[in-house]
Amino acid sequence: MKIENNNIYDNMVELKNVFNKIKYKKIKSIREDYSGMGYTFESLINKKIDSSFLPDFNGIEIKTKYKKSDSDLKLFNYSPKRDDGMAQARYFINNYGYLTKKNRIKFMRNIFYNELTELNHGHFFKLILDRENNKLIISIINYNLKIIDNSTYWNLDELKERLYTKLSYLAFIRGYIFTIDNIRYNRYTDISFYKLKDFDTFIELIKQGKIYLNFEAYQLLNTNCTKTIFDKGVAFKIKLNSIDELFDKIEI
C-alpha cells in the first residue's frame, strides 16, 4: 500500500534510514529487561522516555518486540471515565482488589468483549458497546446477569481521537536480545511500516476479542497506614497475529 501523505512517507523513509544504519549491529541496552529493546531504539532517535499519547517519531508510533516473542502488542493506554468522577483505578482497587504478599492491594485483569471476566464477590466484568449513547462501557454484573454498575466508560469519539492521534501510522521493529559478560545487548533485524485502517475496524476487532483491555494498578500499604495508588493505566492490546487486520502494510 502507498500513502498520500508525503510528509509521513518522507518521515518513514528517514526512520528506515536510521534503522538501516544500526541494523544487525550489537547495541548495548539502556535497560536490563525486555523493555530495553524499545527504550534503546528510542534513545537512538533522540526520543526522551515519556508517557505521551503522541506518536514517537514525527507522526509515527514505534513498537518493538523480541523476535521470538508471540506475546500480545500494547497499542496504547487510555483510562476510562466514571460518572462519579472517581479514578477508575481507585474504584476497582477499593471494590475488587486483592492483598498480595508484598503488602499491596492489587487489581489486574484482562477484559474481552466476547467473554465474562470474573471478579470477586460473585461479580463479573462485561464490555458493552452502547452506540445510542456513544460509549464503550465496562459493566459489572452479578451471577444473575443483573447490571449492578454501569458507570465506567469510554466516550467513542474520544477513543477514536486517541486511536488516530497515537496510531495512524506505525513502525514495527523486531530483533534479538542477548547477554555477553552480564551485559544486555539488542540486535535490530526488521522494520515494517503500517497505516491504520479505520475506527470501525478497531471496534470490530474488540468485538471479536482480538483487541482487549488490560487493567493493572496497585495500592501500597506502608507502615504509616497511608495509601498510595500506582496506576499503570488501561492498555488496549492486540493479538500479534491480528496486526494486519487493524493496519495496512506500507512498502518503503
Protein backbone atom coordinates (compact mmCIF):
# COMPACT_ATOMS: atom_id res chain seq x y z
CA MET A 1 0.00 0.00 0.00
CA LYS A 2 1.13 3.56 -0.74
CA ILE A 3 0.15 6.61 1.29
CA GLU A 4 -0.82 10.04 0.02
CA ASN A 5 0.68 11.97 2.93
CA ASN A 6 4.09 12.91 1.54
CA ASN A 7 5.37 14.23 4.86
CA ILE A 8 4.60 10.97 6.64
CA TYR A 9 6.12 8.96 3.80
CA ASP A 10 9.30 11.06 3.99
CA ASN A 11 9.39 10.55 7.77
CA MET A 12 9.10 6.80 7.26
CA VAL A 13 12.00 6.88 4.82
CA GLU A 14 14.03 8.88 7.35
CA LEU A 15 13.22 6.40 10.13
CA LYS A 16 14.11 3.46 7.90
CA ASN A 17 17.44 5.09 7.07
CA VAL A 18 18.18 5.46 10.78
CA PHE A 19 17.21 1.82 11.28
CA ASN A 20 19.43 0.63 8.43
CA LYS A 21 22.46 2.31 9.99
CA ILE A 22 22.19 0.15 13.11
CA LYS A 23 20.63 -2.95 11.56
CA TYR A 24 22.29 -6.17 12.80
CA LYS A 25 24.72 -4.20 14.98
CA LYS A 26 25.31 -5.10 18.62
CA ILE A 27 23.74 -2.25 20.60
CA LYS A 28 24.13 -2.06 24.37
CA SER A 29 20.75 -1.89 26.06
CA ILE A 30 19.92 1.02 28.34
CA ARG A 31 17.71 -1.32 30.38
CA GLU A 32 18.27 -4.86 31.58
CA ASP A 33 14.76 -6.20 30.94
CA TYR A 34 12.88 -6.81 27.68
CA SER A 35 11.62 -3.22 27.64
CA GLY A 36 15.20 -2.22 26.90
CA MET A 37 14.73 -3.05 23.22
CA GLY A 38 12.22 -0.24 22.79
CA TYR A 39 13.85 2.28 25.11
CA THR A 40 17.25 1.73 23.50
CA PHE A 41 15.94 2.29 19.98
CA GLU A 42 14.12 5.43 21.06
CA SER A 43 17.38 6.75 22.52
CA LEU A 44 18.98 6.24 19.08
CA ILE A 45 16.43 8.63 17.53
CA ASN A 46 16.89 11.07 20.44
CA LYS A 47 13.45 10.48 21.87
CA LYS A 48 13.15 11.07 25.60
CA ILE A 49 11.40 8.47 27.75
CA ASP A 50 7.85 9.67 28.41
CA SER A 51 4.24 8.54 28.62
CA SER A 52 2.95 10.89 25.94
CA PHE A 53 -0.15 10.00 23.91
CA LEU A 54 1.59 11.49 20.85
CA PRO A 55 3.45 9.30 18.33
CA ASP A 56 7.15 8.62 18.94
CA PHE A 57 8.70 9.93 15.72
CA ASN A 58 7.21 12.67 13.53
CA GLY A 59 3.70 11.24 13.39
CA ILE A 60 4.81 7.59 13.53
CA GLU A 61 4.32 5.37 16.56
CA ILE A 62 7.17 2.91 17.13
CA LYS A 63 6.64 -0.56 18.58
CA THR A 64 9.43 -3.04 19.23
CA LYS A 65 9.28 -6.70 20.12
CA TYR A 66 11.69 -9.53 20.74
CA LYS A 67 11.68 -11.58 17.52
CA LYS A 68 10.93 -14.92 19.16
CA SER A 69 8.09 -13.46 21.20
CA ASP A 70 4.48 -14.01 20.19
CA SER A 71 3.07 -12.07 23.15
CA ASP A 72 0.31 -9.55 22.51
CA LEU A 73 1.20 -6.00 21.46
CA LYS A 74 0.15 -2.98 23.50
CA LEU A 75 -1.41 -0.38 21.23
CA PHE A 76 -1.92 2.47 23.69
CA ASN A 77 -3.05 3.32 27.22
CA TYR A 78 -6.30 5.16 27.80
CA SER A 79 -8.19 5.09 31.08
CA PRO A 80 -11.99 5.20 31.18
CA LYS A 81 -14.14 7.80 32.90
CA ARG A 82 -16.59 7.26 35.73
CA ASP A 83 -19.88 9.07 36.24
CA ASP A 84 -19.00 9.75 39.88
CA GLY A 85 -15.64 11.31 38.93
CA MET A 86 -13.62 8.75 40.89
CA ALA A 87 -10.42 7.48 39.25
CA GLN A 88 -11.09 4.06 37.78
CA ALA A 89 -8.00 2.57 39.48
CA ARG A 90 -9.17 3.64 42.92
CA TYR A 91 -12.69 2.36 42.29
CA PHE A 92 -11.57 -1.09 41.17
CA ILE A 93 -8.92 -1.46 43.87
CA ASN A 94 -11.39 -0.42 46.56
CA ASN A 95 -14.05 -2.84 45.36
CA TYR A 96 -12.24 -5.69 43.65
CA GLY A 97 -8.58 -5.55 44.67
CA TYR A 98 -6.79 -8.37 46.45
CA LEU A 99 -4.00 -8.35 49.03
CA THR A 100 -0.58 -9.60 47.86
CA LYS A 101 2.37 -10.93 49.85
CA LYS A 102 4.18 -7.63 49.27
CA ASN A 103 1.63 -5.73 51.36
CA ARG A 104 -0.12 -4.37 48.31
CA ILE A 105 -3.74 -4.33 47.25
CA LYS A 106 -3.64 -5.19 43.57
CA PHE A 107 -6.13 -5.14 40.74
CA MET A 108 -5.13 -6.79 37.46
CA ARG A 109 -7.49 -8.19 34.83
CA ASN A 110 -7.77 -8.76 31.09
CA ILE A 111 -11.21 -7.94 29.72
CA PHE A 112 -12.53 -9.32 26.43
CA TYR A 113 -15.71 -8.16 24.75
CA ASN A 114 -16.88 -11.68 23.95
CA GLU A 115 -16.23 -13.10 27.45
CA LEU A 116 -17.26 -12.51 31.05
CA THR A 117 -14.32 -11.66 33.30
CA GLU A 118 -14.74 -12.99 36.82
CA LEU A 119 -14.09 -10.63 39.71
CA ASN A 120 -14.56 -11.35 43.40
CA HIS A 121 -17.77 -11.16 45.45
CA GLY A 122 -19.63 -13.06 42.72
CA HIS A 123 -19.30 -10.28 40.17
CA PHE A 124 -18.17 -10.18 36.55
CA PHE A 125 -16.90 -7.61 34.06
CA LYS A 126 -18.69 -7.30 30.73
CA LEU A 127 -17.88 -4.88 27.92
CA ILE A 128 -20.91 -3.29 26.28
CA LEU A 129 -20.88 -1.23 23.09
CA ASP A 130 -23.61 1.39 23.51
CA ARG A 131 -23.94 3.10 20.13
CA GLU A 132 -27.01 5.07 21.20
CA ASN A 133 -25.10 6.84 23.98
CA ASN A 134 -21.77 6.72 22.11
CA LYS A 135 -19.97 4.71 24.80
CA LEU A 136 -17.87 1.62 25.34
CA ILE A 137 -18.99 0.60 28.84
CA ILE A 138 -17.42 -1.63 31.47
CA SER A 139 -20.46 -3.13 33.13
CA ILE A 140 -20.29 -5.05 36.39
CA ILE A 141 -22.88 -7.79 36.63
CA ASN A 142 -23.74 -10.48 39.18
CA TYR A 143 -24.35 -14.21 38.82
CA ASN A 144 -27.93 -13.48 37.75
CA LEU A 145 -26.54 -11.30 34.91
CA LYS A 146 -28.09 -8.23 36.50
CA ILE A 147 -26.13 -5.00 35.96
CA ILE A 148 -25.02 -3.54 39.29
CA ASP A 149 -22.68 -0.83 37.97
CA ASN A 150 -22.68 0.76 34.53
CA SER A 151 -20.79 3.98 35.23
CA THR A 152 -17.29 3.25 33.84
CA TYR A 153 -16.91 4.00 30.15
CA TRP A 154 -15.05 5.50 27.22
CA ASN A 155 -16.71 8.08 25.01
CA LEU A 156 -16.37 6.64 21.49
CA ASP A 157 -15.47 9.97 19.87
CA GLU A 158 -12.67 10.49 22.40
CA LEU A 159 -11.49 6.90 21.99
CA LYS A 160 -11.41 7.39 18.23
CA GLU A 161 -9.39 10.60 18.60
CA ARG A 162 -6.86 8.86 20.86
CA LEU A 163 -6.51 5.96 18.40
CA TYR A 164 -5.96 8.22 15.39
CA THR A 165 -3.61 10.54 17.27
CA LYS A 166 -1.42 7.71 18.54
CA LEU A 167 -1.62 5.06 15.84
CA SER A 168 -2.49 6.49 12.44
CA TYR A 169 0.95 5.28 11.36
CA LEU A 170 3.06 2.53 12.90
CA ALA A 171 6.64 1.31 12.63
CA PHE A 172 7.01 -2.22 13.99
CA ILE A 173 10.58 -3.26 14.79
CA ARG A 174 11.79 -6.71 15.72
CA GLY A 175 15.14 -8.05 16.82
CA TYR A 176 17.06 -10.14 19.31
CA ILE A 177 18.17 -9.65 22.89
CA PHE A 178 21.29 -11.36 24.19
CA THR A 179 23.79 -11.13 27.04
CA ILE A 180 27.59 -11.10 26.91
CA ASP A 181 29.62 -10.92 30.14
CA ASN A 182 26.44 -9.98 32.05
CA ILE A 183 25.76 -7.03 29.74
CA ARG A 184 22.47 -6.91 27.82
CA TYR A 185 22.56 -6.11 24.11
CA ASN A 186 19.99 -5.63 21.33
CA ARG A 187 20.29 -6.53 17.67
CA TYR A 188 17.60 -4.98 15.46
CA THR A 189 16.79 -7.01 12.34
CA ASP A 190 13.43 -5.98 10.82
CA ILE A 191 11.25 -2.91 10.42
CA SER A 192 7.76 -2.76 8.90
CA PHE A 193 5.50 0.24 8.35
CA TYR A 194 1.71 0.36 8.62
CA LYS A 195 -1.27 2.68 8.22
CA LEU A 196 -4.33 2.37 10.45
CA LYS A 197 -7.41 1.16 8.57
CA ASP A 198 -10.22 2.91 10.47
CA PHE A 199 -12.03 3.16 13.79
CA ASP A 200 -14.80 0.77 12.76
CA THR A 201 -12.18 -1.94 12.21
CA PHE A 202 -10.75 -1.22 15.65
CA ILE A 203 -14.19 -1.63 17.25
CA GLU A 204 -14.90 -4.79 15.27
CA LEU A 205 -11.63 -6.35 16.49
CA ILE A 206 -12.64 -5.50 20.05
CA LYS A 207 -15.97 -7.26 19.47
CA GLN A 208 -14.10 -10.30 18.11
CA GLY A 209 -11.81 -10.44 21.15
CA LYS A 210 -8.69 -9.76 19.08
CA ILE A 211 -8.23 -6.42 20.83
CA TYR A 212 -8.80 -6.47 24.59
CA LEU A 213 -8.27 -4.37 27.71
CA ASN A 214 -5.57 -4.90 30.31
CA PHE A 215 -6.00 -3.30 33.76
CA GLU A 216 -3.12 -3.09 36.21
CA ALA A 217 -2.97 -0.98 39.36
CA TYR A 218 -1.95 -1.48 42.96
CA GLN A 219 -2.14 0.27 46.28
CA LEU A 220 0.92 0.25 48.51
CA LEU A 221 0.15 0.00 52.21
CA ASN A 222 3.10 1.38 54.15
CA THR A 223 3.88 1.29 57.85
CA ASN A 224 2.24 4.66 58.44
CA CYS A 225 -1.04 3.29 57.05
CA THR A 226 -1.09 5.86 54.26
CA LYS A 227 -2.33 4.56 50.95
CA THR A 228 -0.87 5.44 47.57
CA ILE A 229 -2.26 4.09 44.29
CA PHE A 230 0.04 3.32 41.39
CA ASP A 231 -2.00 3.17 38.21
CA LYS A 232 -0.34 1.68 35.13
CA GLY A 233 -3.37 2.67 33.12
CA VAL A 234 -5.70 0.63 30.97
CA ALA A 235 -3.91 -0.79 27.94
CA PHE A 236 -5.62 -1.68 24.68
CA LYS A 237 -3.75 -4.76 23.43
CA ILE A 238 -3.95 -6.69 20.19
CA LYS A 239 -3.17 -10.29 19.35
CA LEU A 240 0.09 -10.27 17.42
CA ASN A 241 -1.35 -12.24 14.51
CA SER A 242 -4.13 -9.63 14.11
CA ILE A 243 -1.91 -6.64 13.30
CA ASP A 244 -2.65 -6.98 9.58
CA GLU A 245 -6.37 -6.80 10.36
CA LEU A 246 -6.04 -3.40 12.04
CA PHE A 247 -3.37 -1.92 9.75
CA ASP A 248 -2.46 -1.89 6.07
CA LYS A 249 1.20 -2.55 5.39
CA ILE A 250 3.18 0.17 3.61
CA GLU A 251 6.14 -0.63 1.39
CA ILE A 252 9.07 1.74 1.97
